[in-house]
């Protein structure tokens, strides 16, 4: 499912796509999927594409936050949490740095 989310983001030209394995480190997800859009409308389009792609595979988000503003959209699929950021917002919150010691999953096409 994390790879499908990453692929959907890449199809919409998301940048900096990473999958972070947080299984056993947190109790709310097994994977975090991080990606960046170049503008608020791009962030929203990426988030919509991820939600739609996973929905077609039978996975439905239990929560989507941040979509109206498009600076940081969080999509919670229970087993994975997808974060779609503007570059400045991603740098500010630095989830990449927070999880720097966690295992990364290779994302084909990156």
Protein backbone atom coordinates (compact mmCIF):
# COMPACT_ATOMS: atom_id res chain seq x y z
CA UNK A 1 0.00 0.00 0.00
CA UNK A 2 2.85 2.42 0.77
CA UNK A 3 4.40 1.72 -2.63
CA UNK A 4 1.04 2.36 -4.31
CA UNK A 5 0.77 5.71 -2.51
CA UNK A 6 4.29 6.61 -3.58
CA UNK A 7 3.56 5.62 -7.19
CA UNK A 8 0.39 7.74 -7.23
CA UNK A 9 2.40 10.71 -5.99
CA UNK A 10 5.09 10.16 -8.60
CA UNK A 11 2.42 10.00 -11.31
CA UNK A 12 1.47 13.55 -10.27
CA UNK A 13 5.12 14.65 -10.33
CA UNK A 14 5.61 14.67 -6.54
CA UNK A 15 9.19 15.33 -5.49
CA UNK A 16 11.27 13.86 -2.67
CA UNK A 17 9.12 10.75 -2.31
CA UNK A 18 10.21 8.62 0.65
CA UNK A 19 8.74 5.68 2.51
CA UNK A 20 9.82 5.38 6.13
CA UNK A 21 9.31 2.12 8.04
CA UNK A 22 8.02 3.06 11.51
CA UNK A 23 6.57 -0.35 12.42
CA UNK A 24 7.27 -1.08 16.07
CA UNK A 25 8.37 2.52 16.66
CA UNK A 26 4.88 4.07 16.77
CA UNK A 27 1.46 2.58 17.37
CA UNK A 28 -0.47 4.51 14.73
CA UNK A 29 1.10 3.26 11.47
CA UNK A 30 3.63 0.92 9.91
CA UNK A 31 4.84 3.33 7.22
CA UNK A 32 5.03 7.05 6.64
CA UNK A 33 5.03 8.20 3.03
CA UNK A 34 6.48 11.68 2.52
CA UNK A 35 6.34 13.71 -0.67
CA UNK A 36 6.51 17.32 -1.80
CA UNK A 37 4.56 19.47 -4.23
CA UNK A 38 5.75 22.76 -5.73
CA UNK A 39 2.59 24.80 -4.98
CA UNK A 40 -0.54 24.48 -2.83
CA UNK A 41 -2.63 23.34 -5.81
CA UNK A 42 0.01 20.75 -6.67
CA UNK A 43 -0.01 19.46 -3.08
CA UNK A 44 -3.81 19.15 -3.23
CA UNK A 45 -3.68 17.37 -6.61
CA UNK A 46 -1.09 14.90 -5.30
CA UNK A 47 -3.17 14.21 -2.18
CA UNK A 48 -6.32 13.68 -4.26
CA UNK A 49 -4.45 11.30 -6.58
CA UNK A 50 -3.10 9.25 -3.67
CA UNK A 51 -6.55 9.01 -2.05
CA UNK A 52 -8.15 8.02 -5.36
CA UNK A 53 -5.48 5.45 -6.28
CA UNK A 54 -5.64 3.72 -2.91
CA UNK A 55 -9.44 3.90 -2.91
CA UNK A 56 -9.47 1.98 -6.20
CA UNK A 57 -7.43 -0.73 -4.46
CA UNK A 58 -9.94 -0.93 -1.61
CA UNK A 59 -8.08 1.21 0.93
CA UNK A 60 -10.04 4.11 2.34
CA UNK A 61 -8.65 7.00 4.34
CA UNK A 62 -10.04 7.38 7.84
CA UNK A 63 -8.95 11.02 7.90
CA UNK A 64 -7.68 13.69 5.52
CA UNK A 65 -6.40 16.90 7.06
CA UNK A 66 -5.02 20.09 5.56
CA UNK A 67 -6.57 19.83 2.12
CA UNK A 68 -8.16 23.28 2.00
CA UNK A 69 -4.84 25.07 2.61
CA UNK A 70 -2.57 22.73 0.66
CA UNK A 71 0.58 23.38 2.67
CA UNK A 72 0.64 20.02 4.44
CA UNK A 73 -1.94 17.35 3.70
CA UNK A 74 -2.04 14.30 5.94
CA UNK A 75 -3.94 11.23 4.74
CA UNK A 76 -4.42 8.48 7.34
CA UNK A 77 -4.97 4.99 5.93
CA UNK A 78 -4.34 3.35 9.37
CA UNK A 79 -1.39 1.17 8.26
CA UNK A 80 0.22 4.06 6.41
CA UNK A 81 0.09 7.80 6.85
CA UNK A 82 0.80 9.91 3.77
CA UNK A 83 2.20 13.41 4.20
CA UNK A 84 2.17 15.75 1.18
CA UNK A 85 4.00 19.01 1.84
CA UNK A 86 5.04 22.26 0.29
CA UNK A 87 8.86 22.32 0.35
CA UNK A 88 9.03 25.05 3.00
CA UNK A 89 6.58 23.21 5.26
CA UNK A 90 8.44 19.93 4.87
CA UNK A 91 11.70 21.64 5.82
CA UNK A 92 10.09 23.38 8.80
CA UNK A 93 8.63 20.22 10.38
CA UNK A 94 11.53 18.00 9.23
CA UNK A 95 9.90 14.58 9.56
CA UNK A 96 12.80 13.30 7.44
CA UNK A 97 15.22 14.36 10.18
CA UNK A 98 12.98 13.15 12.99
CA UNK A 99 12.99 9.66 11.46
CA UNK A 100 16.56 9.75 10.11
CA UNK A 101 17.45 6.50 11.88
CA UNK A 102 14.39 4.62 10.63
CA UNK A 103 14.67 2.21 7.73
CA UNK A 104 13.73 3.59 4.30
CA UNK A 105 11.90 1.51 1.71
CA UNK A 106 13.20 1.87 -1.83
CA UNK A 107 10.73 3.68 -4.05
CA UNK A 108 10.93 2.57 -7.70
CA UNK A 109 11.30 5.52 -10.05
CA UNK A 110 13.19 7.74 -7.62
